[in-house]
Protein backbone atom coordinates (compact mmCIF):
# COMPACT_ATOMS: atom_id res chain seq x y z
CA UNK A 1 79.50 105.25 95.41
CA UNK A 2 83.28 104.35 93.88
CA UNK A 3 83.53 107.96 92.52
CA UNK A 4 87.43 108.46 94.30
CA UNK A 5 87.57 112.52 94.30
CA UNK A 6 83.20 112.15 95.62
CA UNK A 7 85.16 110.37 98.23
CA UNK A 8 87.64 112.58 99.47
CA UNK A 9 85.75 115.29 99.21
CA UNK A 10 83.58 113.83 102.05
CA UNK A 11 86.26 112.39 103.39
CA UNK A 12 87.34 116.47 103.85
CA UNK A 13 84.62 117.80 104.49
CA UNK A 14 83.93 115.16 107.14
CA UNK A 15 87.25 116.38 109.03
CA UNK A 16 86.02 119.73 108.62
CA UNK A 17 88.45 120.78 105.90
CA UNK A 18 89.09 123.38 102.84
CA UNK A 19 90.85 121.55 100.44
CA UNK A 20 93.84 124.13 100.33
CA UNK A 21 94.08 123.11 104.09
CA UNK A 22 93.78 119.39 102.51
CA UNK A 23 96.16 119.80 100.44
CA UNK A 24 99.11 121.76 102.72
CA UNK A 25 98.11 119.03 105.29
CA UNK A 26 99.03 116.40 102.52
CA UNK A 27 102.15 118.94 100.92
CA UNK A 28 100.47 118.56 97.78
CA UNK A 29 98.88 121.02 95.58
CA UNK A 30 95.78 122.93 95.49
CA UNK A 31 94.81 122.40 92.04
CA UNK A 32 96.07 118.78 92.58
CA UNK A 33 92.66 118.47 95.14
CA UNK A 34 90.06 120.68 93.28
CA UNK A 35 90.95 118.33 89.86
CA UNK A 36 90.96 114.46 92.24
CA UNK A 37 87.78 115.69 93.45
CA UNK A 38 85.51 117.26 91.08
CA UNK A 39 86.91 113.52 88.25
CA UNK A 40 88.88 115.96 86.16
CA UNK A 41 92.19 113.22 86.94
CA UNK A 42 92.39 109.66 88.11
CA UNK A 43 95.10 109.91 90.64
CA UNK A 44 97.66 107.12 90.75
CA UNK A 45 97.87 104.77 93.73
CA UNK A 46 100.69 106.19 94.87
CA UNK A 47 99.61 109.95 93.93
CA UNK A 48 96.23 108.84 95.91
CA UNK A 49 98.13 107.30 98.92
CA UNK A 50 100.51 110.60 99.11
CA UNK A 51 96.61 112.49 99.13
CA UNK A 52 95.03 109.97 102.31
CA UNK A 53 98.18 110.23 104.25
CA UNK A 54 97.34 113.76 104.76
CA UNK A 55 94.18 112.75 106.43
CA UNK A 56 95.66 110.33 107.94
CA UNK A 57 94.27 106.99 105.95
CA UNK A 58 94.69 104.39 104.89
CA UNK A 59 93.84 103.49 101.42
CA UNK A 60 92.24 99.96 102.96
CA UNK A 61 89.52 102.39 104.60
CA UNK A 62 89.92 105.34 101.93
CA UNK A 63 87.65 102.63 99.74
CA UNK A 64 85.75 100.68 103.06
CA UNK A 65 84.64 103.59 104.79
CA UNK A 66 80.81 103.44 105.37
CA UNK A 67 80.21 107.56 104.09
CA UNK A 68 76.81 106.76 103.35
CA UNK A 69 75.73 106.53 107.54
CA UNK A 70 79.37 108.73 108.35
CA UNK A 71 77.32 111.70 107.69
CA UNK A 72 75.08 111.85 110.84
CA UNK A 73 76.88 112.33 114.03
CA UNK A 74 74.28 113.94 116.45
CA UNK A 75 70.82 112.11 117.96
CA UNK A 76 68.40 112.43 119.45
CA UNK A 77 65.84 109.91 121.95
CA UNK A 78 63.36 109.53 120.04
CA UNK A 79 65.87 108.57 117.10
CA UNK A 80 67.89 105.99 119.19
CA UNK A 81 65.79 102.76 118.55
CA UNK A 82 64.93 100.23 121.41
CA UNK A 83 67.50 97.17 121.16
CA UNK A 84 66.93 95.73 124.38
CA UNK A 85 64.95 92.62 124.98
CA UNK A 86 61.69 93.52 126.29
CA UNK A 87 63.24 93.35 130.01
CA UNK A 88 65.32 96.47 130.21
CA UNK A 89 65.37 99.67 127.40
CA UNK A 90 68.24 99.64 125.63
CA UNK A 91 69.16 102.99 122.91
CA UNK A 92 71.41 102.41 120.36
CA UNK A 93 73.40 105.17 119.65
CA UNK A 94 74.07 105.34 115.89
CA UNK A 95 72.70 102.66 114.77
CA UNK A 96 72.83 103.93 111.68
CA UNK A 97 76.17 103.22 111.59
CA UNK A 98 76.48 99.23 109.87
CA UNK A 99 80.31 99.47 110.24
CA UNK A 100 80.98 100.51 113.49
CA UNK A 101 83.07 98.34 116.26
CA UNK A 102 81.31 100.74 119.14
CA UNK A 103 78.71 100.34 119.91
CA UNK A 104 77.44 103.03 123.27
CA UNK A 105 73.60 102.16 124.64
CA UNK A 106 71.47 104.32 126.81
CA UNK A 107 69.89 101.94 129.15
CA UNK A 108 66.55 101.33 131.71
CA UNK A 109 66.99 98.23 133.86
CA UNK A 110 63.73 98.03 135.65
CA UNK A 111 63.60 96.82 139.85
CA UNK A 112 63.78 93.46 139.62
CA UNK A 113 65.13 93.25 135.40
CA UNK A 114 68.29 90.53 135.06
CA UNK A 115 69.67 89.45 132.22
CA UNK A 116 68.27 85.34 133.78
CA UNK A 117 69.81 82.89 135.36
CA UNK A 118 73.05 81.45 133.68
CA UNK A 119 76.33 83.64 132.81
CA UNK A 120 76.04 85.55 129.44
CA UNK A 121 79.77 84.80 126.94
CA UNK A 122 80.03 86.99 124.47
CA UNK A 123 82.14 87.75 121.16
CA UNK A 124 82.47 91.35 122.29
CA UNK A 125 84.32 93.14 125.51
CA UNK A 126 82.02 95.49 127.25
CA UNK A 127 81.64 98.17 129.87
CA UNK A 128 79.51 100.21 131.14
CA UNK A 129 79.13 103.34 133.97
CA UNK A 130 75.78 103.44 136.03
CA UNK A 131 74.03 107.07 136.61
CA UNK A 132 71.13 106.39 138.87
CA UNK A 133 70.22 104.30 140.52
CA UNK A 134 71.94 100.66 141.48
CA UNK A 135 73.07 97.57 139.42
CA UNK A 136 74.32 94.37 140.35
CA UNK A 137 76.71 93.36 137.82
CA UNK A 138 78.73 89.24 138.03
CA UNK A 139 81.07 89.24 136.15
CA UNK A 140 83.15 85.53 136.40
CA UNK A 141 82.63 84.55 140.21
CA UNK A 142 82.40 87.73 141.95
CA UNK A 143 79.11 89.86 142.11
CA UNK A 144 79.43 93.83 142.71
CA UNK A 145 76.46 96.33 143.29
CA UNK A 146 77.43 99.11 141.86
CA UNK A 147 75.76 102.13 142.53
CA UNK A 148 76.11 105.79 140.56
CA UNK A 149 78.99 106.79 139.39
CA UNK A 150 80.61 103.42 139.32
CA UNK A 151 82.03 101.63 136.52
CA UNK A 152 82.41 97.66 135.10
CA UNK A 153 84.25 96.41 132.16
CA UNK A 154 84.22 92.56 130.92
CA UNK A 155 86.44 90.99 128.27
CA UNK A 156 86.16 88.43 126.02
CA UNK A 157 84.44 85.62 126.20
CA UNK A 158 84.09 86.51 130.35
CA UNK A 159 81.46 84.97 131.82
CA UNK A 160 78.46 87.92 133.13
CA UNK A 161 75.46 88.87 134.25
CA UNK A 162 73.36 92.55 134.67
CA UNK A 163 70.26 92.17 137.51
CA UNK A 164 68.43 95.24 139.11
CA UNK A 165 68.06 94.05 142.75
CA UNK A 166 66.32 97.13 143.68
CA UNK A 167 63.56 98.37 144.47
CA UNK A 168 64.04 101.90 142.02
CA UNK A 169 64.84 101.98 138.47
CA UNK A 170 68.29 101.40 137.31
CA UNK A 171 70.21 103.83 134.25
CA UNK A 172 73.62 102.93 133.09
CA UNK A 173 75.61 103.74 129.97
CA UNK A 174 76.68 100.76 129.09
CA UNK A 175 78.91 100.33 125.43
CA UNK A 176 80.15 96.81 123.67
CA UNK A 177 82.82 96.46 120.85
CA UNK A 178 81.65 94.88 117.78
CA UNK A 179 82.09 91.23 116.97
CA UNK A 180 84.04 91.48 112.88
CA UNK A 181 83.53 88.06 112.30
CA UNK A 182 79.62 87.77 113.02
């Protein structure tokens, strides 16, 4: 979708604002917003920037935002695909968000599961919290066993390993940044 008016209307609605509210925030008339959204006027770059400052959103983000996948904000467990490696279950929240900067996964690690002998080195940051069971996390040369409520953080490029050496499954929430240079 490339129509400026349609994009403006979708962004306004994503924020839950009326035309009047956006006009107030941008310090323009309500009719200016209405005319832009209806395609009656094609705003100059300066006019559009003034309106977007009321959101606030940059011109780059305004034209680059993936509005088609931004409309769905809630996800049932059955709508989250398993992106795990077959050893553990990894349900991805917002799998339809193709331009996301962050991924959050609900993960289940069966007893005895292991990410492998070699440390994972990733161009992304990882962080997580254990909710049920225990999870052994190795970051660099340090290894800790995390219990419910405990968390971890792995910086870009640091090696890490995830292992469930216990006798029961473990549930954790893991988030990672997305490498935009892939």
